[in-house]
C-alpha atoms as a PDB file:
ATOM      1  CA  MET A   1    -123.847  39.214  11.928  1.00  0.00           C
ATOM      2  CA  LYS A   2    -123.938  35.785  13.633  1.00  0.00           C
ATOM      3  CA  LYS A   3    -122.278  34.264  10.562  1.00  0.00           C
ATOM      4  CA  LYS A   4    -119.361  36.741  10.777  1.00  0.00           C
ATOM      5  CA  VAL A   5    -118.890  36.016  14.494  1.00  0.00           C
ATOM      6  CA  LEU A   6    -118.952  32.265  13.807  1.00  0.00           C
ATOM      7  CA  LEU A   7    -116.386  32.609  10.997  1.00  0.00           C
ATOM      8  CA  PHE A   8    -114.205  34.766  13.254  1.00  0.00           C
ATOM      9  CA  LEU A   9    -114.346  32.151  16.034  1.00  0.00           C
ATOM     10  CA  ILE A  10    -113.488  29.362  13.589  1.00  0.00           C
ATOM     11  CA  ALA A  11    -110.533  31.386  12.275  1.00  0.00           C
ATOM     12  CA  ILE A  12    -109.288  32.016  15.846  1.00  0.00           C
ATOM     13  CA  SER A  13    -109.628  28.287  16.646  1.00  0.00           C
ATOM     14  CA  LEU A  14    -107.579  27.351  13.580  1.00  0.00           C
ATOM     15  CA  VAL A  15    -104.842  29.838  14.462  1.00  0.00           C
ATOM     16  CA  LEU A  16    -104.698  28.579  18.060  1.00  0.00           C
ATOM     17  CA  SER A  17    -104.593  24.959  16.865  1.00  0.00           C
ATOM     18  CA  VAL A  18    -101.659  25.684  14.553  1.00  0.00           C
ATOM     19  CA  PHE A  19     -99.897  27.595  17.352  1.00  0.00           C
ATOM     20  CA  ALA A  20    -100.452  24.762  19.841  1.00  0.00           C
ATOM     21  CA  PHE A  21     -99.158  22.206  17.307  1.00  0.00           C
ATOM     22  CA  SER A  22     -96.032  24.257  16.597  1.00  0.00           C
ATOM     23  CA  ILE A  23     -95.300  24.453  20.342  1.00  0.00           C
ATOM     24  CA  SER A  24     -95.852  20.722  20.868  1.00  0.00           C
ATOM     25  CA  ALA A  25     -93.791  19.887  17.769  1.00  0.00           C
ATOM     26  CA  ASN A  26     -90.907  21.912  19.156  1.00  0.00           C
ATOM     27  CA  THR A  27     -90.467  20.221  22.531  1.00  0.00           C
ATOM     28  CA  PHE A  28     -87.261  19.346  24.318  1.00  0.00           C
ATOM     29  CA  PRO A  29     -86.124  15.758  25.012  1.00  0.00           C
ATOM     30  CA  LYS A  30     -87.923  14.220  27.982  1.00  0.00           C
ATOM     31  CA  LYS A  31     -87.554  11.054  30.046  1.00  0.00           C
ATOM     32  CA  GLY A  32     -88.300   8.019  27.892  1.00  0.00           C
ATOM     33  CA  ASP A  33     -87.599   9.788  24.595  1.00  0.00           C
ATOM     34  CA  THR A  34     -84.967   8.586  22.175  1.00  0.00           C
ATOM     35  CA  LEU A  35     -82.412  11.326  21.725  1.00  0.00           C
ATOM     36  CA  PRO A  36     -82.266  12.562  18.105  1.00  0.00           C
ATOM     37  CA  MET A  37     -79.374  11.052  16.117  1.00  0.00           C
ATOM     38  CA  ILE A  38     -76.819  13.810  16.620  1.00  0.00           C
ATOM     39  CA  SER A  39     -73.598  13.932  14.565  1.00  0.00           C
ATOM     40  CA  LEU A  40     -70.550  15.545  16.125  1.00  0.00           C
ATOM     41  CA  PRO A  41     -67.065  16.163  14.726  1.00  0.00           C
ATOM     42  CA  ILE A  42     -64.455  13.658  15.884  1.00  0.00           C
ATOM     43  CA  PRO A  43     -62.119  15.658  18.136  1.00  0.00           C
ATOM     44  CA  LYS A  44     -58.568  16.323  16.958  1.00  0.00           C
ATOM     45  CA  SER A  45     -57.249  15.873  20.504  1.00  0.00           C
ATOM     46  CA  PRO A  46     -55.984  12.312  21.164  1.00  0.00           C
ATOM     47  CA  GLU A  47     -57.066  12.704  24.825  1.00  0.00           C
ATOM     48  CA  ALA A  48     -60.647  13.555  23.827  1.00  0.00           C
ATOM     49  CA  LYS A  49     -60.752  10.639  21.379  1.00  0.00           C
ATOM     50  CA  GLU A  50     -59.485   8.261  24.041  1.00  0.00           C
ATOM     51  CA  TYR A  51     -61.963   9.621  26.607  1.00  0.00           C
ATOM     52  CA  LEU A  52     -64.910   9.058  24.233  1.00  0.00           C
ATOM     53  CA  GLY A  53     -63.544   5.748  22.894  1.00  0.00           C
ATOM     54  CA  ILE A  54     -63.686   6.824  19.261  1.00  0.00           C
ATOM     55  CA  SER A  55     -61.078   7.022  16.511  1.00  0.00           C
ATOM     56  CA  GLY A  56     -60.511   8.279  13.007  1.00  0.00           C
ATOM     57  CA  GLU A  57     -61.666  11.521  11.436  1.00  0.00           C
ATOM     58  CA  GLY A  58     -64.941  13.000  10.251  1.00  0.00           C
ATOM     59  CA  THR A  59     -68.019  12.709  12.432  1.00  0.00           C
ATOM     60  CA  PHE A  60     -69.472  10.288  14.953  1.00  0.00           C
ATOM     61  CA  LYS A  61     -72.870   9.675  16.524  1.00  0.00           C
ATOM     62  CA  ILE A  62     -73.581   9.681  20.272  1.00  0.00           C
ATOM     63  CA  PRO A  63     -74.259   5.905  20.560  1.00  0.00           C
ATOM     64  CA  GLN A  64     -70.676   5.332  19.321  1.00  0.00           C
ATOM     65  CA  ILE A  65     -69.309   6.783  22.563  1.00  0.00           C
ATOM     66  CA  LYS A  66     -67.918   3.946  24.691  1.00  0.00           C
ATOM     67  CA  ALA A  67     -70.012   4.494  27.798  1.00  0.00           C
ATOM     68  CA  ARG A  68     -73.221   3.323  29.422  1.00  0.00           C
ATOM     69  CA  VAL A  69     -74.370   6.820  30.364  1.00  0.00           C
ATOM     70  CA  LEU A  70     -73.738  10.215  28.804  1.00  0.00           C
ATOM     71  CA  PHE A  71     -74.197  13.578  30.513  1.00  0.00           C
ATOM     72  CA  ILE A  72     -74.773  16.344  27.940  1.00  0.00           C
ATOM     73  CA  GLU A  73     -74.662  20.035  28.777  1.00  0.00           C
ATOM     74  CA  ILE A  74     -76.118  22.429  26.219  1.00  0.00           C
ATOM     75  CA  PHE A  75     -74.292  25.657  26.963  1.00  0.00           C
ATOM     76  CA  SER A  76     -73.328  28.966  25.418  1.00  0.00           C
ATOM     77  CA  MET A  77     -70.140  30.890  25.942  1.00  0.00           C
ATOM     78  CA  TYR A  78     -72.316  33.981  26.467  1.00  0.00           C
ATOM     79  CA  CYS A  79     -74.713  32.400  28.993  1.00  0.00           C
ATOM     80  CA  PRO A  80     -74.067  33.835  32.496  1.00  0.00           C
ATOM     81  CA  TYR A  81     -75.744  30.809  34.128  1.00  0.00           C
ATOM     82  CA  CYS A  82     -73.446  28.436  32.223  1.00  0.00           C
ATOM     83  CA  GLN A  83     -70.456  30.467  33.381  1.00  0.00           C
ATOM     84  CA  LYS A  84     -71.698  30.382  36.987  1.00  0.00           C
ATOM     85  CA  ASP A  85     -72.289  26.591  36.847  1.00  0.00           C
ATOM     86  CA  ALA A  86     -68.941  25.794  35.160  1.00  0.00           C
ATOM     87  CA  PRO A  87     -66.978  25.136  38.406  1.00  0.00           C
ATOM     88  CA  GLY A  88     -69.713  22.773  39.658  1.00  0.00           C
ATOM     89  CA  ILE A  89     -69.874  20.945  36.315  1.00  0.00           C
ATOM     90  CA  ASN A  90     -66.075  20.555  36.439  1.00  0.00           C
ATOM     91  CA  GLU A  91     -66.427  19.163  39.969  1.00  0.00           C
ATOM     92  CA  LEU A  92     -68.980  16.637  38.650  1.00  0.00           C
ATOM     93  CA  TYR A  93     -66.457  15.544  36.016  1.00  0.00           C
ATOM     94  CA  GLN A  94     -63.809  15.090  38.738  1.00  0.00           C
ATOM     95  CA  LEU A  95     -66.212  13.047  40.898  1.00  0.00           C
ATOM     96  CA  ILE A  96     -66.918  10.693  38.003  1.00  0.00           C
ATOM     97  CA  ASP A  97     -63.245  10.489  37.042  1.00  0.00           C
ATOM     98  CA  LYS A  98     -62.262   9.527  40.608  1.00  0.00           C
ATOM     99  CA  SER A  99     -64.906   6.766  40.766  1.00  0.00           C
ATOM    100  CA  GLU A 100     -62.912   3.811  39.524  1.00  0.00           C
ATOM    101  CA  GLY A 101     -65.886   1.569  38.818  1.00  0.00           C
ATOM    102  CA  LEU A 102     -67.830   4.311  37.044  1.00  0.00           C
ATOM    103  CA  ARG A 103     -65.322   6.435  35.120  1.00  0.00           C
ATOM    104  CA  ASP A 104     -65.568   4.159  32.056  1.00  0.00           C
ATOM    105  CA  LYS A 105     -69.346   3.916  32.302  1.00  0.00           C
ATOM    106  CA  ILE A 106     -70.221   7.632  32.547  1.00  0.00           C
ATOM    107  CA  LYS A 107     -68.931  10.241  30.096  1.00  0.00           C
ATOM    108  CA  MET A 108     -69.615  13.955  29.730  1.00  0.00           C
ATOM    109  CA  ILE A 109     -69.790  16.289  26.735  1.00  0.00           C
ATOM    110  CA  GLY A 110     -70.871  19.867  26.158  1.00  0.00           C
ATOM    111  CA  ILE A 111     -72.493  21.327  23.043  1.00  0.00           C
ATOM    112  CA  GLY A 112     -72.140  25.073  22.486  1.00  0.00           C
ATOM    113  CA  ALA A 113     -75.433  26.331  21.059  1.00  0.00           C
ATOM    114  CA  GLY A 114     -74.653  28.949  18.406  1.00  0.00           C
ATOM    115  CA  ASN A 115     -70.967  28.845  19.341  1.00  0.00           C
ATOM    116  CA  THR A 116     -68.137  28.614  16.815  1.00  0.00           C
ATOM    117  CA  PRO A 117     -65.126  26.338  17.381  1.00  0.00           C
ATOM    118  CA  PHE A 118     -63.178  29.437  18.508  1.00  0.00           C
ATOM    119  CA  GLU A 119     -65.862  30.410  21.056  1.00  0.00           C
ATOM    120  CA  VAL A 120     -66.038  26.846  22.398  1.00  0.00           C
ATOM    121  CA  GLU A 121     -62.244  26.811  22.789  1.00  0.00           C
ATOM    122  CA  VAL A 122     -62.314  30.147  24.642  1.00  0.00           C
ATOM    123  CA  TYR A 123     -64.999  28.781  27.005  1.00  0.00           C
ATOM    124  CA  LYS A 124     -63.013  25.559  27.538  1.00  0.00           C
ATOM    125  CA  LYS A 125     -59.832  27.465  28.440  1.00  0.00           C
ATOM    126  CA  THR A 126     -61.541  30.179  30.496  1.00  0.00           C
ATOM    127  CA  TYR A 127     -63.400  27.679  32.698  1.00  0.00           C
ATOM    128  CA  ASN A 128     -60.797  24.866  32.630  1.00  0.00           C
ATOM    129  CA  VAL A 129     -63.238  22.324  31.206  1.00  0.00           C
ATOM    130  CA  SER A 130     -61.678  18.844  31.064  1.00  0.00           C
ATOM    131  CA  PHE A 131     -64.372  17.004  29.080  1.00  0.00           C
ATOM    132  CA  PRO A 132     -64.938  17.411  25.300  1.00  0.00           C
ATOM    133  CA  LEU A 133     -66.915  20.432  24.071  1.00  0.00           C
ATOM    134  CA  PHE A 134     -68.407  20.689  20.587  1.00  0.00           C
ATOM    135  CA  PRO A 135     -69.502  23.724  18.562  1.00  0.00           C
ATOM    136  CA  ASP A 136     -73.013  24.065  17.135  1.00  0.00           C
ATOM    137  CA  LYS A 137     -72.459  27.352  15.330  1.00  0.00           C
ATOM    138  CA  ASP A 138     -75.505  27.107  13.049  1.00  0.00           C
ATOM    139  CA  PHE A 139     -77.838  25.837  15.834  1.00  0.00           C
ATOM    140  CA  THR A 140     -78.451  22.519  13.984  1.00  0.00           C
ATOM    141  CA  ILE A 141     -78.260  20.385  17.132  1.00  0.00           C
ATOM    142  CA  HIS A 142     -79.989  23.066  19.181  1.00  0.00           C
ATOM    143  CA  LYS A 143     -82.991  22.924  16.806  1.00  0.00           C
ATOM    144  CA  MET A 144     -83.042  19.103  16.974  1.00  0.00           C
ATOM    145  CA  LEU A 145     -83.312  19.419  20.766  1.00  0.00           C
ATOM    146  CA  GLY A 146     -86.285  21.793  20.651  1.00  0.00           C
ATOM    147  CA  GLU A 147     -84.312  25.059  20.874  1.00  0.00           C
ATOM    148  CA  VAL A 148     -83.810  24.700  24.603  1.00  0.00           C
ATOM    149  CA  ARG A 149     -82.501  27.587  26.682  1.00  0.00           C
ATOM    150  CA  THR A 150     -79.086  27.289  28.305  1.00  0.00           C
ATOM    151  CA  PRO A 151     -77.811  25.658  30.361  1.00  0.00           C
ATOM    152  CA  PHE A 152     -79.789  22.522  29.612  1.00  0.00           C
ATOM    153  CA  PHE A 153     -78.770  19.128  30.979  1.00  0.00           C
ATOM    154  CA  ILE A 154     -79.583  15.749  29.449  1.00  0.00           C
ATOM    155  CA  ILE A 155     -78.714  12.339  30.878  1.00  0.00           C
ATOM    156  CA  VAL A 156     -78.752   9.610  28.232  1.00  0.00           C
ATOM    157  CA  ARG A 157     -78.471   5.847  28.698  1.00  0.00           C
ATOM    158  CA  ILE A 158     -76.635   4.182  25.800  1.00  0.00           C
ATOM    159  CA  ASN A 159     -78.058   0.691  25.454  1.00  0.00           C
ATOM    160  CA  LYS A 160     -76.250  -2.430  24.225  1.00  0.00           C
ATOM    161  CA  ASP A 161     -78.185  -2.293  20.941  1.00  0.00           C
ATOM    162  CA  LYS A 162     -76.752   1.240  20.442  1.00  0.00           C
ATOM    163  CA  THR A 163     -80.078   2.981  21.004  1.00  0.00           C
ATOM    164  CA  HIS A 164     -79.874   5.955  23.334  1.00  0.00           C
ATOM    165  CA  GLU A 165     -82.665   6.849  25.706  1.00  0.00           C
ATOM    166  CA  VAL A 166     -83.173  10.066  27.654  1.00  0.00           C
ATOM    167  CA  VAL A 167     -83.463   9.197  31.348  1.00  0.00           C
ATOM    168  CA  HIS A 168     -83.466  12.792  32.644  1.00  0.00           C
ATOM    169  CA  SER A 169     -83.477  16.351  31.296  1.00  0.00           C
ATOM    170  CA  GLN A 170     -83.732  19.740  32.928  1.00  0.00           C
ATOM    171  CA  LEU A 171     -83.348  23.432  32.241  1.00  0.00           C
ATOM    172  CA  GLY A 172     -80.734  24.936  34.550  1.00  0.00           C
ATOM    173  CA  GLY A 173     -81.001  24.341  38.259  1.00  0.00           C
ATOM    174  CA  PHE A 174     -77.643  22.582  38.635  1.00  0.00           C
ATOM    175  CA  GLN A 175     -77.812  21.610  42.305  1.00  0.00           C
ATOM    176  CA  GLY A 176     -74.160  20.791  42.893  1.00  0.00           C
ATOM    177  CA  ALA A 177     -71.809  18.009  41.866  1.00  0.00           C
ATOM    178  CA  ASP A 178     -72.720  15.501  44.604  1.00  0.00           C
ATOM    179  CA  SER A 179     -76.471  15.822  44.031  1.00  0.00           C
ATOM    180  CA  PHE A 180     -76.151  15.606  40.262  1.00  0.00           C
ATOM    181  CA  PHE A 181     -73.806  12.601  40.507  1.00  0.00           C
ATOM    182  CA  LYS A 182     -76.433  10.805  42.594  1.00  0.00           C
ATOM    183  CA  LEU A 183     -79.119  11.834  40.085  1.00  0.00           C
ATOM    184  CA  ILE A 184     -77.072  10.341  37.214  1.00  0.00           C
ATOM    185  CA  LEU A 185     -76.667   7.043  39.083  1.00  0.00           C
ATOM    186  CA  GLU A 186     -80.351   6.819  40.032  1.00  0.00           C
ATOM    187  CA  THR A 187     -81.906   7.814  36.698  1.00  0.00           C
ATOM    188  CA  SER A 188     -79.531   5.699  34.595  1.00  0.00           C
ATOM    189  CA  GLY A 189     -79.995   2.524  36.638  1.00  0.00           C
ATOM    190  CA  LEU A 190     -76.273   2.294  37.471  1.00  0.00           C
ATOM    191  CA  ILE A 191     -77.013   2.540  41.204  1.00  0.00           C
ATOM    192  CA  GLU A 192     -79.237  -0.570  40.995  1.00  0.00           C
ATOM    193  CA  GLU A 193     -76.592  -2.459  39.005  1.00  0.00           C
ATOM    194  CA  GLY A 194     -74.074  -1.674  41.740  1.00  0.00           C
ATOM    195  CA  LYS A 195     -76.278  -3.390  44.338  1.00  0.00           C
ATOM    196  CA  LYS A 196     -76.392  -6.697  42.412  1.00  0.00           C
END
């Protein structure tokens, strides 16, 4: 009897260990992490290409974006929280765009988790989004990012050696354009550079 109980406890421990490992292996990007090397389609729009500082056709990787800091929103066209936050995210874009010394240093993109190009375009038009949005219809990028829920925000610093480090990430909780703009400046180090 004791042997059966012991074997049962060992089996439970193994199952829990595997479960714990699968959870830890599937974590979202956190401060200090290197963002996975994500490939995105080069936009057809000349304005989007110019905004990101890329050219040509095919795909590009995030460190190729001509910026010091990148704000990434993982969204879904069907996410009610993303829809609710859209005006505030647009306001954040406008704040950055109006900041002459920062507009070339900070860029924004959105990645539509499970969204087709058509769905991303509908979202872009419905919510008047000015920054580039990219489809992730087969959830490839979403899986690379730990299958985060939406909306999920990531602030990435693109270093001179073309590495890209996560300086902040959070699930939802968009606290308004002014607060998030300040958060971008503080976490990326741009606010300290401005003081020098």
